[in-house]
Amino acid sequence: MNESLVRFLIFFLSLIAFSTLEFFFQYRKRTQSRKSRWPANLAMIFIGGIAVKIALPTGMAVFSELASSKEIGLFNLFEMSFALELALSIIILDLLVYIQHVLTHKIDIFWRFHRVHHADTDLDTTSALRFHPIEILGSIAYKSFWVMVFGFSYETIFIFEIILNFMAMFNHSNIKLPHRLEKLLRLVIVTPQMHIMHHSIHQYESDRNYGFNLSIWDKLFGTYISDFSSEGVIGQLYYRACSEHKLWALLKLPFKKI
């Protein structure tokens, strides 16, 4: 089966599964209806996907193949089993995504685009898809650079991207997990109850819990908090009205003065 089709099927089934679970096991009450938010959130990932296909038709595979053919990158200097290579690649790539996420909050030009994601007044599975197309292109460029540095294979990149997309939809979902299960899962991975604090309207909380996949990075680098210390309102102070969450408004948001 074609790799792109496999990735799309996993993405689509994950989206349907988490959205369905949200309906039956809702964690928080919505402040806006799905109808007012979902069309723009879903459209953003569609536009972003088109932008990537135009800019880089084969994705990061071209950089992986170049690194392999030219024997560039750390992993191309050593012989190792695929299992070890995959494990190391997932850990390193996840750390690099954590660092990237921190940078999008700390550097103003990056934050202008990333705040499109943070402006969402509710958090659910579709929030994981709500990234500005320019930020998506920037993320591909960032990861492509590290593909060349480390020489990650196409297979490991493919698997990591599937895991990352799946986990992003999971930890943005509005699913209430049983307390004991959530605490157990949080020892290893980022849960919805852990990640939602990163979307707090207060910066002292939104500058915490940056992880998308493994929870260890926040604990290791001192950016972890276990619970809200505020009232738990999420989003951005300046973008509360429904009209500010339409597609055109989201595309313009990075260029809007606060």
Protein backbone atom coordinates (compact mmCIF):
# COMPACT_ATOMS: atom_id res chain seq x y z
CA MET A 1 0.00 0.00 0.00
CA ASN A 2 1.21 3.52 -0.81
CA GLU A 3 2.88 5.24 2.19
CA SER A 4 0.85 8.44 1.74
CA LEU A 5 -2.37 6.42 1.78
CA VAL A 6 -1.27 4.56 4.92
CA ARG A 7 -0.50 7.83 6.67
CA PHE A 8 -3.81 9.36 5.59
CA LEU A 9 -5.81 6.33 6.75
CA ILE A 10 -4.14 6.35 10.18
CA PHE A 11 -4.70 10.11 10.43
CA PHE A 12 -8.36 9.86 9.38
CA LEU A 13 -9.17 6.90 11.64
CA SER A 14 -7.45 8.60 14.59
CA LEU A 15 -9.40 11.79 13.97
CA ILE A 16 -12.71 9.88 13.88
CA ALA A 17 -11.84 7.74 16.91
CA PHE A 18 -10.77 10.60 19.18
CA SER A 19 -13.64 12.84 18.07
CA THR A 20 -16.10 10.03 18.86
CA LEU A 21 -14.54 9.38 22.29
CA GLU A 22 -14.84 13.10 23.05
CA PHE A 23 -18.56 12.87 22.47
CA PHE A 24 -19.02 10.08 25.03
CA PHE A 25 -16.28 10.98 27.54
CA GLN A 26 -16.13 14.76 27.51
CA TYR A 27 -13.45 16.28 29.76
CA ARG A 28 -14.49 19.97 29.66
CA LYS A 29 -17.59 21.84 28.55
CA ARG A 30 -17.19 23.63 25.24
CA THR A 31 -17.28 27.43 25.08
CA GLN A 32 -18.06 27.31 21.34
CA SER A 33 -19.91 24.78 19.22
CA ARG A 34 -18.10 22.32 16.97
CA LYS A 35 -19.86 23.98 14.02
CA SER A 36 -18.21 27.32 14.80
CA ARG A 37 -14.68 25.90 15.14
CA TRP A 38 -14.26 22.69 13.19
CA PRO A 39 -14.56 23.99 9.60
CA ALA A 40 -11.64 26.42 10.02
CA ASN A 41 -9.54 23.97 12.06
CA LEU A 42 -9.95 21.22 9.46
CA ALA A 43 -9.37 23.64 6.59
CA MET A 44 -6.05 24.73 8.11
CA ILE A 45 -4.55 21.23 7.90
CA PHE A 46 -5.86 20.87 4.34
CA ILE A 47 -4.25 24.16 3.24
CA GLY A 48 -1.06 23.29 5.10
CA GLY A 49 -0.90 19.92 3.35
CA ILE A 50 -1.26 21.57 -0.05
CA ALA A 51 1.46 24.10 0.82
CA VAL A 52 3.86 21.30 1.77
CA LYS A 53 3.10 19.35 -1.41
CA ILE A 54 3.82 22.42 -3.54
CA ALA A 55 7.00 23.39 -1.68
CA LEU A 56 8.34 19.87 -1.12
CA PRO A 57 6.46 17.20 -3.12
CA THR A 58 8.29 14.24 -1.55
CA GLY A 59 8.49 15.74 1.93
CA MET A 60 11.54 15.07 4.08
CA ALA A 61 12.31 11.90 2.11
CA VAL A 62 14.44 13.88 -0.34
CA PHE A 63 16.75 15.01 2.48
CA SER A 64 16.94 11.53 3.97
CA GLU A 65 17.89 10.03 0.60
CA LEU A 66 20.45 12.79 0.01
CA ALA A 67 22.03 12.20 3.42
CA SER A 68 22.17 8.47 2.76
CA SER A 69 23.63 8.76 -0.76
CA LYS A 70 26.27 11.28 0.35
CA GLU A 71 26.87 9.46 3.66
CA ILE A 72 26.03 12.65 5.52
CA GLY A 73 24.73 12.59 9.07
CA LEU A 74 25.64 10.88 12.32
CA PHE A 75 23.59 7.71 11.78
CA ASN A 76 25.23 7.08 8.42
CA LEU A 77 28.62 6.77 10.12
CA PHE A 78 27.64 3.71 12.16
CA GLU A 79 26.15 0.28 11.58
CA MET A 80 23.18 -0.48 13.83
CA SER A 81 20.05 -2.60 13.84
CA PHE A 82 16.85 -1.04 12.55
CA ALA A 83 15.24 -1.44 15.99
CA LEU A 84 18.00 0.57 17.67
CA GLU A 85 18.01 3.16 14.88
CA LEU A 86 14.22 3.55 15.16
CA ALA A 87 14.30 3.93 18.95
CA LEU A 88 17.11 6.51 18.85
CA SER A 89 15.45 8.40 15.99
CA ILE A 90 12.11 8.65 17.79
CA ILE A 91 13.76 9.88 21.01
CA ILE A 92 16.00 12.43 19.25
CA LEU A 93 13.27 13.70 16.92
CA ASP A 94 10.89 14.06 19.85
CA LEU A 95 13.48 16.12 21.74
CA LEU A 96 13.99 18.30 18.65
CA VAL A 97 10.23 18.88 18.37
CA TYR A 98 10.16 19.87 22.05
CA ILE A 99 12.98 22.40 21.41
CA GLN A 100 11.17 23.70 18.33
CA HIS A 101 8.01 24.16 20.35
CA VAL A 102 9.85 26.17 23.01
CA LEU A 103 11.36 28.39 20.30
CA THR A 104 7.93 29.13 18.81
CA HIS A 105 6.97 30.64 22.16
CA LYS A 106 10.19 32.52 22.84
CA ILE A 107 10.92 34.12 19.44
CA ASP A 108 8.39 36.76 18.42
CA ILE A 109 8.24 36.06 14.67
CA PHE A 110 7.63 32.36 15.36
CA TRP A 111 5.06 33.12 18.05
CA ARG A 112 3.05 35.29 15.64
CA PHE A 113 2.28 32.17 13.60
CA HIS A 114 2.10 29.72 16.51
CA ARG A 115 -0.52 31.81 18.30
CA VAL A 116 -3.00 30.69 15.62
CA HIS A 117 -2.87 27.32 17.36
CA HIS A 118 -3.06 28.83 20.85
CA ALA A 119 -5.95 31.16 20.07
CA ASP A 120 -8.40 28.23 20.06
CA THR A 121 -10.84 28.80 22.92
CA ASP A 122 -11.57 25.09 23.24
CA LEU A 123 -9.25 22.14 23.01
CA ASP A 124 -10.25 19.04 21.09
CA THR A 125 -8.87 16.70 18.43
CA THR A 126 -9.16 19.32 15.69
CA SER A 127 -7.00 21.75 17.69
CA ALA A 128 -4.05 19.50 16.85
CA LEU A 129 -4.60 20.36 13.16
CA ARG A 130 -4.91 24.10 13.64
CA PHE A 131 -1.51 25.39 12.54
CA HIS A 132 -0.85 28.22 10.12
CA PRO A 133 0.47 26.95 6.74
CA ILE A 134 3.59 29.10 7.11
CA GLU A 135 4.33 27.52 10.49
CA ILE A 136 3.87 24.07 8.95
CA LEU A 137 6.38 24.93 6.21
CA GLY A 138 8.77 26.26 8.84
CA SER A 139 8.42 23.05 10.83
CA ILE A 140 9.24 20.95 7.75
CA ALA A 141 12.33 23.10 7.10
CA TYR A 142 13.44 22.75 10.74
CA LYS A 143 13.06 18.97 10.77
CA SER A 144 14.66 18.62 7.31
CA PHE A 145 17.79 20.35 8.62
CA TRP A 146 18.08 17.82 11.44
CA VAL A 147 17.41 14.95 9.04
CA MET A 148 20.61 15.98 7.27
CA VAL A 149 22.54 16.42 10.54
CA PHE A 150 21.59 13.02 11.94
CA GLY A 151 20.96 11.12 8.71
CA PHE A 152 17.57 9.77 9.81
CA SER A 153 16.29 7.10 7.43
CA TYR A 154 13.05 7.58 5.50
CA GLU A 155 11.46 4.65 7.35
CA THR A 156 12.15 6.12 10.80
CA ILE A 157 10.91 9.57 9.73
CA PHE A 158 7.73 8.01 8.34
CA ILE A 159 7.03 6.11 11.58
CA PHE A 160 7.87 9.12 13.77
CA GLU A 161 5.55 11.44 11.83
CA ILE A 162 2.68 8.96 12.22
CA ILE A 163 3.35 8.72 15.98
CA LEU A 164 3.63 12.50 16.30
CA ASN A 165 0.35 13.14 14.46
CA PHE A 166 -1.45 10.44 16.45
CA MET A 167 -0.13 11.72 19.78
CA ALA A 168 -0.89 15.36 18.94
CA MET A 169 -4.53 14.47 18.26
CA PHE A 170 -4.65 12.37 21.43
CA ASN A 171 -3.21 14.97 23.81
CA HIS A 172 -5.27 17.80 22.33
CA SER A 173 -8.46 15.75 22.55
CA ASN A 174 -11.25 16.60 24.98
CA ILE A 175 -11.29 13.09 26.43
CA LYS A 176 -11.65 12.49 30.16
CA LEU A 177 -9.29 9.70 31.16
CA PRO A 178 -9.76 7.76 34.42
CA HIS A 179 -7.56 9.44 37.05
CA ARG A 180 -5.34 6.45 37.80
CA LEU A 181 -4.84 5.62 34.13
CA GLU A 182 -4.03 9.25 33.32
CA LYS A 183 -1.39 9.47 36.08
CA LEU A 184 0.17 6.21 34.89
CA LEU A 185 0.25 7.26 31.23
CA ARG A 186 1.69 10.67 32.17
CA LEU A 187 4.83 8.96 33.47
CA VAL A 188 5.74 8.22 29.84
CA ILE A 189 3.56 10.17 27.40
CA VAL A 190 1.76 13.51 27.24
CA THR A 191 -1.92 13.15 28.13
CA PRO A 192 -4.83 15.53 27.40
CA GLN A 193 -4.93 16.50 31.09
CA MET A 194 -1.22 17.35 31.00
CA HIS A 195 -1.17 19.23 27.70
CA ILE A 196 -4.24 21.41 28.27
CA MET A 197 -2.32 23.49 30.84
CA HIS A 198 0.01 24.57 28.04
CA HIS A 199 -3.03 26.22 26.43
CA SER A 200 -3.84 28.32 29.50
CA ILE A 201 -4.75 31.96 28.91
CA HIS A 202 -2.01 32.78 31.45
CA GLN A 203 1.56 32.82 30.15
CA TYR A 204 3.06 31.39 33.35
CA GLU A 205 1.13 28.20 32.57
CA SER A 206 1.31 28.27 28.75
CA ASP A 207 5.10 28.37 29.10
CA ARG A 208 4.92 24.89 30.60
CA ASN A 209 4.21 21.35 29.33
CA TYR A 210 5.61 21.83 25.82
CA GLY A 211 5.87 18.12 25.04
CA PHE A 212 3.85 16.54 22.24
CA ASN A 213 4.79 12.90 22.73
CA LEU A 214 7.15 11.91 25.55
CA SER A 215 6.57 13.61 28.91
CA ILE A 216 10.21 13.32 30.01
CA TRP A 217 11.43 16.52 28.32
CA ASP A 218 9.29 18.87 30.39
CA LYS A 219 10.35 17.09 33.58
CA LEU A 220 14.00 17.07 32.55
CA PHE A 221 14.16 20.74 31.54
CA GLY A 222 12.00 22.14 34.33
CA THR A 223 8.98 23.11 32.22
CA TYR A 224 6.55 20.65 33.80
CA ILE A 225 3.51 21.49 35.91
CA SER A 226 1.10 18.88 37.16
CA ASP A 227 -2.10 20.95 37.54
CA PHE A 228 -3.64 24.33 36.78
CA SER A 229 -2.95 26.92 39.47
CA SER A 230 -5.30 29.34 37.68
CA GLU A 231 -9.01 29.13 36.84
CA GLY A 232 -8.18 26.93 33.83
CA VAL A 233 -9.37 29.22 31.01
CA ILE A 234 -7.63 28.40 27.74
CA GLY A 235 -6.93 30.34 24.56
CA GLN A 236 -5.67 33.89 24.07
CA LEU A 237 -7.07 36.99 25.72
CA TYR A 238 -7.51 38.89 22.44
CA TYR A 239 -9.30 36.20 20.42
CA ARG A 240 -12.50 35.20 22.17
CA ALA A 241 -15.22 36.02 19.61
CA CYS A 242 -16.49 33.33 17.20
CA SER A 243 -15.73 35.61 14.23
CA GLU A 244 -12.02 35.47 15.10
CA HIS A 245 -11.97 31.71 14.56
CA LYS A 246 -13.11 31.66 10.94
CA LEU A 247 -10.63 30.50 8.32
CA TRP A 248 -9.76 33.88 6.83
CA ALA A 249 -9.35 35.41 10.31
CA LEU A 250 -6.94 32.62 11.29
CA LEU A 251 -4.86 33.05 8.13
CA LYS A 252 -4.57 36.79 8.81
CA LEU A 253 -3.96 36.49 12.54
CA PRO A 254 -0.09 36.41 12.44
CA PHE A 255 -0.11 39.77 10.66
CA LYS A 256 -2.56 41.37 13.06
CA LYS A 257 -1.26 43.84 15.64
CA ILE A 258 -2.29 43.19 19.23
